[in-house]
mmCIF file of all heavy atoms, coordinates in Angstrom:
data_MODEL
# 
_entry.id   MODEL 
# 
loop_
_atom_site.group_PDB 
_atom_site.id 
_atom_site.type_symbol 
_atom_site.label_atom_id 
_atom_site.label_alt_id 
_atom_site.label_comp_id 
_atom_site.label_asym_id 
_atom_site.label_entity_id 
_atom_site.label_seq_id 
_atom_site.pdbx_PDB_ins_code 
_atom_site.Cartn_x 
_atom_site.Cartn_y 
_atom_site.Cartn_z 
_atom_site.occupancy 
_atom_site.B_iso_or_equiv 
_atom_site.pdbx_formal_charge 
_atom_site.auth_seq_id 
_atom_site.auth_comp_id 
_atom_site.auth_asym_id 
_atom_site.auth_atom_id 
_atom_site.pdbx_PDB_model_num 
ATOM 1   N N   . PHE A 1 1  ? -1.319  5.921   -18.529 1.00 0.00 ? 1  PHE A N   1 
ATOM 2   C CA  . PHE A 1 1  ? -0.297  5.259   -19.397 1.00 0.00 ? 1  PHE A CA  1 
ATOM 3   C C   . PHE A 1 1  ? -0.873  4.386   -20.532 1.00 0.00 ? 1  PHE A C   1 
ATOM 4   O O   . PHE A 1 1  ? -0.108  3.799   -21.287 1.00 0.00 ? 1  PHE A O   1 
ATOM 5   C CB  . PHE A 1 1  ? 0.647   4.414   -18.540 1.00 0.00 ? 1  PHE A CB  1 
ATOM 6   C CG  . PHE A 1 1  ? 1.474   5.287   -17.646 1.00 0.00 ? 1  PHE A CG  1 
ATOM 7   C CD1 . PHE A 1 1  ? 1.252   5.328   -16.271 1.00 0.00 ? 1  PHE A CD1 1 
ATOM 8   C CD2 . PHE A 1 1  ? 2.532   6.072   -18.156 1.00 0.00 ? 1  PHE A CD2 1 
ATOM 9   C CE1 . PHE A 1 1  ? 2.020   6.163   -15.427 1.00 0.00 ? 1  PHE A CE1 1 
ATOM 10  C CE2 . PHE A 1 1  ? 3.280   6.900   -17.326 1.00 0.00 ? 1  PHE A CE2 1 
ATOM 11  C CZ  . PHE A 1 1  ? 3.002   6.943   -15.972 1.00 0.00 ? 1  PHE A CZ  1 
ATOM 12  N N   . ILE A 1 2  ? -2.177  4.370   -20.696 1.00 0.00 ? 2  ILE A N   1 
ATOM 13  C CA  . ILE A 1 2  ? -2.759  3.678   -21.801 1.00 0.00 ? 2  ILE A CA  1 
ATOM 14  C C   . ILE A 1 2  ? -2.516  4.560   -23.068 1.00 0.00 ? 2  ILE A C   1 
ATOM 15  O O   . ILE A 1 2  ? -2.806  5.725   -23.079 1.00 0.00 ? 2  ILE A O   1 
ATOM 16  C CB  . ILE A 1 2  ? -4.298  3.486   -21.605 1.00 0.00 ? 2  ILE A CB  1 
ATOM 17  C CG1 . ILE A 1 2  ? -4.547  2.438   -20.515 1.00 0.00 ? 2  ILE A CG1 1 
ATOM 18  C CG2 . ILE A 1 2  ? -4.961  3.056   -22.948 1.00 0.00 ? 2  ILE A CG2 1 
ATOM 19  C CD1 . ILE A 1 2  ? -6.023  2.194   -20.261 1.00 0.00 ? 2  ILE A CD1 1 
ATOM 20  N N   . THR A 1 3  ? -2.012  3.953   -24.100 1.00 0.00 ? 3  THR A N   1 
ATOM 21  C CA  . THR A 1 3  ? -1.668  4.694   -25.286 1.00 0.00 ? 3  THR A CA  1 
ATOM 22  C C   . THR A 1 3  ? -2.781  4.668   -26.320 1.00 0.00 ? 3  THR A C   1 
ATOM 23  O O   . THR A 1 3  ? -2.838  5.543   -27.212 1.00 0.00 ? 3  THR A O   1 
ATOM 24  C CB  . THR A 1 3  ? -0.367  4.201   -25.943 1.00 0.00 ? 3  THR A CB  1 
ATOM 25  O OG1 . THR A 1 3  ? -0.488  2.831   -26.180 1.00 0.00 ? 3  THR A OG1 1 
ATOM 26  C CG2 . THR A 1 3  ? 0.827   4.496   -25.028 1.00 0.00 ? 3  THR A CG2 1 
ATOM 27  N N   . GLN A 1 4  ? -3.602  3.644   -26.260 1.00 0.00 ? 4  GLN A N   1 
ATOM 28  C CA  . GLN A 1 4  ? -4.740  3.519   -27.199 1.00 0.00 ? 4  GLN A CA  1 
ATOM 29  C C   . GLN A 1 4  ? -5.998  3.128   -26.431 1.00 0.00 ? 4  GLN A C   1 
ATOM 30  O O   . GLN A 1 4  ? -5.946  2.258   -25.550 1.00 0.00 ? 4  GLN A O   1 
ATOM 31  C CB  . GLN A 1 4  ? -4.483  2.491   -28.272 1.00 0.00 ? 4  GLN A CB  1 
ATOM 32  C CG  . GLN A 1 4  ? -3.345  2.878   -29.208 1.00 0.00 ? 4  GLN A CG  1 
ATOM 33  C CD  . GLN A 1 4  ? -3.121  1.790   -30.219 1.00 0.00 ? 4  GLN A CD  1 
ATOM 34  O OE1 . GLN A 1 4  ? -3.110  0.594   -29.932 1.00 0.00 ? 4  GLN A OE1 1 
ATOM 35  N NE2 . GLN A 1 4  ? -2.974  2.219   -31.436 1.00 0.00 ? 4  GLN A NE2 1 
ATOM 36  N N   . GLY A 1 5  ? -7.106  3.759   -26.721 1.00 0.00 ? 5  GLY A N   1 
ATOM 37  C CA  . GLY A 1 5  ? -8.368  3.394   -26.062 1.00 0.00 ? 5  GLY A CA  1 
ATOM 38  C C   . GLY A 1 5  ? -8.471  3.971   -24.700 1.00 0.00 ? 5  GLY A C   1 
ATOM 39  O O   . GLY A 1 5  ? -7.766  4.877   -24.321 1.00 0.00 ? 5  GLY A O   1 
ATOM 40  N N   . THR A 1 6  ? -9.392  3.365   -23.929 1.00 0.00 ? 6  THR A N   1 
ATOM 41  C CA  . THR A 1 6  ? -9.646  3.790   -22.538 1.00 0.00 ? 6  THR A CA  1 
ATOM 42  C C   . THR A 1 6  ? -9.517  2.608   -21.596 1.00 0.00 ? 6  THR A C   1 
ATOM 43  O O   . THR A 1 6  ? -9.387  1.470   -22.044 1.00 0.00 ? 6  THR A O   1 
ATOM 44  C CB  . THR A 1 6  ? -11.046 4.407   -22.392 1.00 0.00 ? 6  THR A CB  1 
ATOM 45  O OG1 . THR A 1 6  ? -12.039 3.325   -22.550 1.00 0.00 ? 6  THR A OG1 1 
ATOM 46  C CG2 . THR A 1 6  ? -11.300 5.478   -23.398 1.00 0.00 ? 6  THR A CG2 1 
ATOM 47  N N   . ILE A 1 7  ? -9.649  2.910   -20.328 1.00 0.00 ? 7  ILE A N   1 
ATOM 48  C CA  . ILE A 1 7  ? -9.539  1.796   -19.335 1.00 0.00 ? 7  ILE A CA  1 
ATOM 49  C C   . ILE A 1 7  ? -10.686 0.814   -19.564 1.00 0.00 ? 7  ILE A C   1 
ATOM 50  O O   . ILE A 1 7  ? -10.537 -0.403  -19.281 1.00 0.00 ? 7  ILE A O   1 
ATOM 51  C CB  . ILE A 1 7  ? -9.541  2.367   -17.895 1.00 0.00 ? 7  ILE A CB  1 
ATOM 52  C CG1 . ILE A 1 7  ? -9.166  1.215   -16.897 1.00 0.00 ? 7  ILE A CG1 1 
ATOM 53  C CG2 . ILE A 1 7  ? -10.854 3.005   -17.532 1.00 0.00 ? 7  ILE A CG2 1 
ATOM 54  C CD1 . ILE A 1 7  ? -8.788  1.693   -15.536 1.00 0.00 ? 7  ILE A CD1 1 
ATOM 55  N N   . ASP A 1 8  ? -11.805 1.265   -20.094 1.00 0.00 ? 8  ASP A N   1 
ATOM 56  C CA  . ASP A 1 8  ? -12.930 0.364   -20.352 1.00 0.00 ? 8  ASP A CA  1 
ATOM 57  C C   . ASP A 1 8  ? -12.617 -0.634  -21.498 1.00 0.00 ? 8  ASP A C   1 
ATOM 58  O O   . ASP A 1 8  ? -13.293 -1.658  -21.618 1.00 0.00 ? 8  ASP A O   1 
ATOM 59  C CB  . ASP A 1 8  ? -14.163 1.168   -20.709 1.00 0.00 ? 8  ASP A CB  1 
ATOM 60  C CG  . ASP A 1 8  ? -14.649 1.955   -19.501 1.00 0.00 ? 8  ASP A CG  1 
ATOM 61  O OD1 . ASP A 1 8  ? -14.451 1.538   -18.381 1.00 0.00 ? 8  ASP A OD1 1 
ATOM 62  O OD2 . ASP A 1 8  ? -15.238 3.048   -19.748 1.00 0.00 ? 8  ASP A OD2 1 
ATOM 63  N N   . ASP A 1 9  ? -11.624 -0.308  -22.294 1.00 0.00 ? 9  ASP A N   1 
ATOM 64  C CA  . ASP A 1 9  ? -11.224 -1.186  -23.401 1.00 0.00 ? 9  ASP A CA  1 
ATOM 65  C C   . ASP A 1 9  ? -10.254 -2.327  -22.919 1.00 0.00 ? 9  ASP A C   1 
ATOM 66  O O   . ASP A 1 9  ? -10.017 -3.243  -23.692 1.00 0.00 ? 9  ASP A O   1 
ATOM 67  C CB  . ASP A 1 9  ? -10.552 -0.427  -24.531 1.00 0.00 ? 9  ASP A CB  1 
ATOM 68  C CG  . ASP A 1 9  ? -11.478 0.611   -25.115 1.00 0.00 ? 9  ASP A CG  1 
ATOM 69  O OD1 . ASP A 1 9  ? -12.706 0.304   -25.270 1.00 0.00 ? 9  ASP A OD1 1 
ATOM 70  O OD2 . ASP A 1 9  ? -11.010 1.706   -25.473 1.00 0.00 ? 9  ASP A OD2 1 
ATOM 71  N N   . VAL A 1 10 ? -9.745  -2.158  -21.717 1.00 0.00 ? 10 VAL A N   1 
ATOM 72  C CA  . VAL A 1 10 ? -8.851  -3.161  -21.170 1.00 0.00 ? 10 VAL A CA  1 
ATOM 73  C C   . VAL A 1 10 ? -9.646  -4.329  -20.635 1.00 0.00 ? 10 VAL A C   1 
ATOM 74  O O   . VAL A 1 10 ? -10.631 -4.121  -19.916 1.00 0.00 ? 10 VAL A O   1 
ATOM 75  C CB  . VAL A 1 10 ? -7.953  -2.546  -20.014 1.00 0.00 ? 10 VAL A CB  1 
ATOM 76  C CG1 . VAL A 1 10 ? -7.038  -3.603  -19.425 1.00 0.00 ? 10 VAL A CG1 1 
ATOM 77  C CG2 . VAL A 1 10 ? -7.162  -1.348  -20.524 1.00 0.00 ? 10 VAL A CG2 1 
ATOM 78  N N   . GLY A 1 11 ? -9.263  -5.546  -21.009 1.00 0.00 ? 11 GLY A N   1 
ATOM 79  C CA  . GLY A 1 11 ? -9.986  -6.762  -20.532 1.00 0.00 ? 11 GLY A CA  1 
ATOM 80  C C   . GLY A 1 11 ? -9.970  -6.843  -19.005 1.00 0.00 ? 11 GLY A C   1 
ATOM 81  O O   . GLY A 1 11 ? -9.009  -6.340  -18.366 1.00 0.00 ? 11 GLY A O   1 
ATOM 82  N N   . SER A 1 12 ? -10.968 -7.500  -18.442 1.00 0.00 ? 12 SER A N   1 
ATOM 83  C CA  . SER A 1 12 ? -11.059 -7.589  -17.016 1.00 0.00 ? 12 SER A CA  1 
ATOM 84  C C   . SER A 1 12 ? -9.879  -8.358  -16.398 1.00 0.00 ? 12 SER A C   1 
ATOM 85  O O   . SER A 1 12 ? -9.420  -8.019  -15.311 1.00 0.00 ? 12 SER A O   1 
ATOM 86  C CB  . SER A 1 12 ? -12.398 -8.286  -16.609 1.00 0.00 ? 12 SER A CB  1 
ATOM 87  O OG  . SER A 1 12 ? -13.434 -7.424  -16.852 1.00 0.00 ? 12 SER A OG  1 
ATOM 88  N N   . VAL A 1 13 ? -9.406  -9.403  -17.048 1.00 0.00 ? 13 VAL A N   1 
ATOM 89  C CA  . VAL A 1 13 ? -8.263  -10.142 -16.518 1.00 0.00 ? 13 VAL A CA  1 
ATOM 90  C C   . VAL A 1 13 ? -6.994  -9.299  -16.536 1.00 0.00 ? 13 VAL A C   1 
ATOM 91  O O   . VAL A 1 13 ? -6.313  -9.188  -15.519 1.00 0.00 ? 13 VAL A O   1 
ATOM 92  C CB  . VAL A 1 13 ? -8.013  -11.469 -17.290 1.00 0.00 ? 13 VAL A CB  1 
ATOM 93  C CG1 . VAL A 1 13 ? -6.706  -12.137 -16.821 1.00 0.00 ? 13 VAL A CG1 1 
ATOM 94  C CG2 . VAL A 1 13 ? -9.194  -12.441 -17.155 1.00 0.00 ? 13 VAL A CG2 1 
ATOM 95  N N   . GLU A 1 14 ? -6.802  -8.621  -17.667 1.00 0.00 ? 14 GLU A N   1 
ATOM 96  C CA  . GLU A 1 14 ? -5.608  -7.730  -17.757 1.00 0.00 ? 14 GLU A CA  1 
ATOM 97  C C   . GLU A 1 14 ? -5.693  -6.633  -16.749 1.00 0.00 ? 14 GLU A C   1 
ATOM 98  O O   . GLU A 1 14 ? -4.698  -6.268  -16.132 1.00 0.00 ? 14 GLU A O   1 
ATOM 99  C CB  . GLU A 1 14 ? -5.526  -7.214  -19.165 1.00 0.00 ? 14 GLU A CB  1 
ATOM 100 C CG  . GLU A 1 14 ? -5.167  -8.203  -20.255 1.00 0.00 ? 14 GLU A CG  1 
ATOM 101 C CD  . GLU A 1 14 ? -6.362  -9.051  -20.762 1.00 0.00 ? 14 GLU A CD  1 
ATOM 102 O OE1 . GLU A 1 14 ? -7.461  -8.908  -20.248 1.00 0.00 ? 14 GLU A OE1 1 
ATOM 103 O OE2 . GLU A 1 14 ? -6.124  -9.843  -21.687 1.00 0.00 ? 14 GLU A OE2 1 
ATOM 104 N N   . LYS A 1 15 ? -6.887  -6.041  -16.604 1.00 0.00 ? 15 LYS A N   1 
ATOM 105 C CA  . LYS A 1 15 ? -7.111  -4.948  -15.644 1.00 0.00 ? 15 LYS A CA  1 
ATOM 106 C C   . LYS A 1 15 ? -6.855  -5.400  -14.237 1.00 0.00 ? 15 LYS A C   1 
ATOM 107 O O   . LYS A 1 15 ? -6.200  -4.724  -13.424 1.00 0.00 ? 15 LYS A O   1 
ATOM 108 C CB  . LYS A 1 15 ? -8.497  -4.380  -15.787 1.00 0.00 ? 15 LYS A CB  1 
ATOM 109 C CG  . LYS A 1 15 ? -8.688  -3.041  -15.138 1.00 0.00 ? 15 LYS A CG  1 
ATOM 110 C CD  . LYS A 1 15 ? -10.142 -2.562  -15.232 1.00 0.00 ? 15 LYS A CD  1 
ATOM 111 C CE  . LYS A 1 15 ? -10.697 -2.671  -16.625 1.00 0.00 ? 15 LYS A CE  1 
ATOM 112 N NZ  . LYS A 1 15 ? -12.155 -2.290  -16.664 1.00 0.00 ? 15 LYS A NZ  1 
ATOM 113 N N   . SER A 1 16 ? -7.247  -6.646  -13.923 1.00 0.00 ? 16 SER A N   1 
ATOM 114 C CA  . SER A 1 16 ? -7.051  -7.195  -12.593 1.00 0.00 ? 16 SER A CA  1 
ATOM 115 C C   . SER A 1 16 ? -5.543  -7.385  -12.302 1.00 0.00 ? 16 SER A C   1 
ATOM 116 O O   . SER A 1 16 ? -5.047  -7.082  -11.225 1.00 0.00 ? 16 SER A O   1 
ATOM 117 C CB  . SER A 1 16 ? -7.823  -8.483  -12.423 1.00 0.00 ? 16 SER A CB  1 
ATOM 118 O OG  . SER A 1 16 ? -9.192  -8.273  -12.567 1.00 0.00 ? 16 SER A OG  1 
ATOM 119 N N   . ILE A 1 17 ? -4.824  -7.878  -13.286 1.00 0.00 ? 17 ILE A N   1 
ATOM 120 C CA  . ILE A 1 17 ? -3.389  -8.110  -13.138 1.00 0.00 ? 17 ILE A CA  1 
ATOM 121 C C   . ILE A 1 17 ? -2.715  -6.765  -12.962 1.00 0.00 ? 17 ILE A C   1 
ATOM 122 O O   . ILE A 1 17 ? -1.842  -6.583  -12.085 1.00 0.00 ? 17 ILE A O   1 
ATOM 123 C CB  . ILE A 1 17 ? -2.785  -8.860  -14.350 1.00 0.00 ? 17 ILE A CB  1 
ATOM 124 C CG1 . ILE A 1 17 ? -3.353  -10.316 -14.371 1.00 0.00 ? 17 ILE A CG1 1 
ATOM 125 C CG2 . ILE A 1 17 ? -1.235  -8.877  -14.329 1.00 0.00 ? 17 ILE A CG2 1 
ATOM 126 C CD1 . ILE A 1 17 ? -3.085  -11.068 -15.713 1.00 0.00 ? 17 ILE A CD1 1 
ATOM 127 N N   . LEU A 1 18 ? -3.054  -5.771  -13.798 1.00 0.00 ? 18 LEU A N   1 
ATOM 128 C CA  . LEU A 1 18 ? -2.483  -4.433  -13.696 1.00 0.00 ? 18 LEU A CA  1 
ATOM 129 C C   . LEU A 1 18 ? -2.768  -3.834  -12.310 1.00 0.00 ? 18 LEU A C   1 
ATOM 130 O O   . LEU A 1 18 ? -1.888  -3.256  -11.701 1.00 0.00 ? 18 LEU A O   1 
ATOM 131 C CB  . LEU A 1 18 ? -3.029  -3.530  -14.776 1.00 0.00 ? 18 LEU A CB  1 
ATOM 132 C CG  . LEU A 1 18 ? -2.358  -3.625  -16.117 1.00 0.00 ? 18 LEU A CG  1 
ATOM 133 C CD1 . LEU A 1 18 ? -3.148  -2.824  -17.150 1.00 0.00 ? 18 LEU A CD1 1 
ATOM 134 C CD2 . LEU A 1 18 ? -0.920  -3.131  -16.068 1.00 0.00 ? 18 LEU A CD2 1 
ATOM 135 N N   . ARG A 1 19 ? -4.031  -3.913  -11.874 1.00 0.00 ? 19 ARG A N   1 
ATOM 136 C CA  . ARG A 1 19 ? -4.379  -3.298  -10.592 1.00 0.00 ? 19 ARG A CA  1 
ATOM 137 C C   . ARG A 1 19 ? -3.547  -3.894  -9.472  1.00 0.00 ? 19 ARG A C   1 
ATOM 138 O O   . ARG A 1 19 ? -3.062  -3.157  -8.601  1.00 0.00 ? 19 ARG A O   1 
ATOM 139 C CB  . ARG A 1 19 ? -5.867  -3.466  -10.323 1.00 0.00 ? 19 ARG A CB  1 
ATOM 140 C CG  . ARG A 1 19 ? -6.728  -2.561  -11.152 1.00 0.00 ? 19 ARG A CG  1 
ATOM 141 C CD  . ARG A 1 19 ? -8.218  -2.878  -10.969 1.00 0.00 ? 19 ARG A CD  1 
ATOM 142 N NE  . ARG A 1 19 ? -9.042  -1.834  -11.528 1.00 0.00 ? 19 ARG A NE  1 
ATOM 143 C CZ  . ARG A 1 19 ? -10.328 -2.006  -11.806 1.00 0.00 ? 19 ARG A CZ  1 
ATOM 144 N NH1 . ARG A 1 19 ? -10.967 -3.136  -11.511 1.00 0.00 ? 19 ARG A NH1 1 
ATOM 145 N NH2 . ARG A 1 19 ? -11.050 -1.010  -12.303 1.00 0.00 ? 19 ARG A NH2 1 
ATOM 146 N N   . LEU A 1 20 ? -3.435  -5.192  -9.453  1.00 0.00 ? 20 LEU A N   1 
ATOM 147 C CA  . LEU A 1 20 ? -2.626  -5.830  -8.396  1.00 0.00 ? 20 LEU A CA  1 
ATOM 148 C C   . LEU A 1 20 ? -1.188  -5.397  -8.461  1.00 0.00 ? 20 LEU A C   1 
ATOM 149 O O   . LEU A 1 20 ? -0.601  -5.004  -7.458  1.00 0.00 ? 20 LEU A O   1 
ATOM 150 C CB  . LEU A 1 20 ? -2.738  -7.323  -8.475  1.00 0.00 ? 20 LEU A CB  1 
ATOM 151 C CG  . LEU A 1 20 ? -1.848  -8.151  -7.534  1.00 0.00 ? 20 LEU A CG  1 
ATOM 152 C CD1 . LEU A 1 20 ? -2.216  -7.796  -6.066  1.00 0.00 ? 20 LEU A CD1 1 
ATOM 153 C CD2 . LEU A 1 20 ? -1.984  -9.624  -7.786  1.00 0.00 ? 20 LEU A CD2 1 
ATOM 154 N N   . ALA A 1 21 ? -0.581  -5.442  -9.648  1.00 0.00 ? 21 ALA A N   1 
ATOM 155 C CA  . ALA A 1 21 ? 0.825   -5.076  -9.773  1.00 0.00 ? 21 ALA A CA  1 
ATOM 156 C C   . ALA A 1 21 ? 1.060   -3.596  -9.423  1.00 0.00 ? 21 ALA A C   1 
ATOM 157 O O   . ALA A 1 21 ? 2.061   -3.282  -8.743  1.00 0.00 ? 21 ALA A O   1 
ATOM 158 C CB  . ALA A 1 21 ? 1.295   -5.355  -11.191 1.00 0.00 ? 21 ALA A CB  1 
ATOM 159 N N   . ILE A 1 22 ? 0.198   -2.742  -9.850  1.00 0.00 ? 22 ILE A N   1 
ATOM 160 C CA  . ILE A 1 22 ? 0.359   -1.313  -9.560  1.00 0.00 ? 22 ILE A CA  1 
ATOM 161 C C   . ILE A 1 22 ? 0.182   -1.076  -8.045  1.00 0.00 ? 22 ILE A C   1 
ATOM 162 O O   . ILE A 1 22 ? 0.954   -0.311  -7.475  1.00 0.00 ? 22 ILE A O   1 
ATOM 163 C CB  . ILE A 1 22 ? -0.663  -0.442  -10.391 1.00 0.00 ? 22 ILE A CB  1 
ATOM 164 C CG1 . ILE A 1 22 ? -0.303  -0.552  -11.869 1.00 0.00 ? 22 ILE A CG1 1 
ATOM 165 C CG2 . ILE A 1 22 ? -0.696  0.988   -9.886  1.00 0.00 ? 22 ILE A CG2 1 
ATOM 166 C CD1 . ILE A 1 22 ? -1.377  -0.016  -12.806 1.00 0.00 ? 22 ILE A CD1 1 
ATOM 167 N N   . TYR A 1 23 ? -0.739  -1.781  -7.391  1.00 0.00 ? 23 TYR A N   1 
ATOM 168 C CA  . TYR A 1 23 ? -0.868  -1.640  -5.979  1.00 0.00 ? 23 TYR A CA  1 
ATOM 169 C C   . TYR A 1 23 ? 0.475   -2.059  -5.328  1.00 0.00 ? 23 TYR A C   1 
ATOM 170 O O   . TYR A 1 23 ? 0.982   -1.333  -4.451  1.00 0.00 ? 23 TYR A O   1 
ATOM 171 C CB  . TYR A 1 23 ? -1.981  -2.549  -5.440  1.00 0.00 ? 23 TYR A CB  1 
ATOM 172 C CG  . TYR A 1 23 ? -1.977  -2.564  -3.930  1.00 0.00 ? 23 TYR A CG  1 
ATOM 173 C CD1 . TYR A 1 23 ? -2.384  -1.478  -3.170  1.00 0.00 ? 23 TYR A CD1 1 
ATOM 174 C CD2 . TYR A 1 23 ? -1.420  -3.691  -3.260  1.00 0.00 ? 23 TYR A CD2 1 
ATOM 175 C CE1 . TYR A 1 23 ? -2.278  -1.515  -1.819  1.00 0.00 ? 23 TYR A CE1 1 
ATOM 176 C CE2 . TYR A 1 23 ? -1.325  -3.686  -1.880  1.00 0.00 ? 23 TYR A CE2 1 
ATOM 177 C CZ  . TYR A 1 23 ? -1.749  -2.594  -1.160  1.00 0.00 ? 23 TYR A CZ  1 
ATOM 178 O OH  . TYR A 1 23 ? -1.653  -2.644  0.222   1.00 0.00 ? 23 TYR A OH  1 
ATOM 179 N N   . GLU A 1 24 ? 1.050   -3.131  -5.730  1.00 0.00 ? 24 GLU A N   1 
ATOM 180 C CA  . GLU A 1 24 ? 2.267   -3.614  -5.120  1.00 0.00 ? 24 GLU A CA  1 
ATOM 181 C C   . GLU A 1 24 ? 3.426   -2.664  -5.378  1.00 0.00 ? 24 GLU A C   1 
ATOM 182 O O   . GLU A 1 24 ? 4.246   -2.357  -4.486  1.00 0.00 ? 24 GLU A O   1 
ATOM 183 C CB  . GLU A 1 24 ? 2.642   -4.982  -5.681  1.00 0.00 ? 24 GLU A CB  1 
ATOM 184 C CG  . GLU A 1 24 ? 1.772   -6.087  -5.148  1.00 0.00 ? 24 GLU A CG  1 
ATOM 185 C CD  . GLU A 1 24 ? 2.234   -7.472  -5.545  1.00 0.00 ? 24 GLU A CD  1 
ATOM 186 O OE1 . GLU A 1 24 ? 1.865   -7.969  -6.629  1.00 0.00 ? 24 GLU A OE1 1 
ATOM 187 O OE2 . GLU A 1 24 ? 2.979   -8.060  -4.736  1.00 0.00 ? 24 GLU A OE2 1 
ATOM 188 N N   . ILE A 1 25 ? 3.479   -2.053  -6.589  1.00 0.00 ? 25 ILE A N   1 
ATOM 189 C CA  . ILE A 1 25 ? 4.530   -1.091  -6.918  1.00 0.00 ? 25 ILE A CA  1 
ATOM 190 C C   . ILE A 1 25 ? 4.394   0.212   -6.066  1.00 0.00 ? 25 ILE A C   1 
ATOM 191 O O   . ILE A 1 25 ? 5.378   0.705   -5.501  1.00 0.00 ? 25 ILE A O   1 
ATOM 192 C CB  . ILE A 1 25 ? 4.566   -0.766  -8.409  1.00 0.00 ? 25 ILE A CB  1 
ATOM 193 C CG1 . ILE A 1 25 ? 5.061   -1.998  -9.177  1.00 0.00 ? 25 ILE A CG1 1 
ATOM 194 C CG2 . ILE A 1 25 ? 5.424   0.445   -8.735  1.00 0.00 ? 25 ILE A CG2 1 
ATOM 195 C CD1 . ILE A 1 25 ? 4.886   -1.902  -10.691 1.00 0.00 ? 25 ILE A CD1 1 
ATOM 196 N N   . LEU A 1 26 ? 3.198   0.659   -5.967  1.00 0.00 ? 26 LEU A N   1 
ATOM 197 C CA  . LEU A 1 26 ? 2.974   1.961   -5.312  1.00 0.00 ? 26 LEU A CA  1 
ATOM 198 C C   . LEU A 1 26 ? 2.887   1.884   -3.789  1.00 0.00 ? 26 LEU A C   1 
ATOM 199 O O   . LEU A 1 26 ? 3.286   2.828   -3.126  1.00 0.00 ? 26 LEU A O   1 
ATOM 200 C CB  . LEU A 1 26 ? 1.693   2.594   -5.848  1.00 0.00 ? 26 LEU A CB  1 
ATOM 201 C CG  . LEU A 1 26 ? 1.663   3.003   -7.290  1.00 0.00 ? 26 LEU A CG  1 
ATOM 202 C CD1 . LEU A 1 26 ? 0.285   3.640   -7.636  1.00 0.00 ? 26 LEU A CD1 1 
ATOM 203 C CD2 . LEU A 1 26 ? 2.794   3.905   -7.670  1.00 0.00 ? 26 LEU A CD2 1 
# 
């Protein structure tokens, strides 16, 4: 679902928030 760049372009804090939320959703 990233529309620009790659997962490596996502900041570590943002990636951590996303990972946690996606875990909770799934």
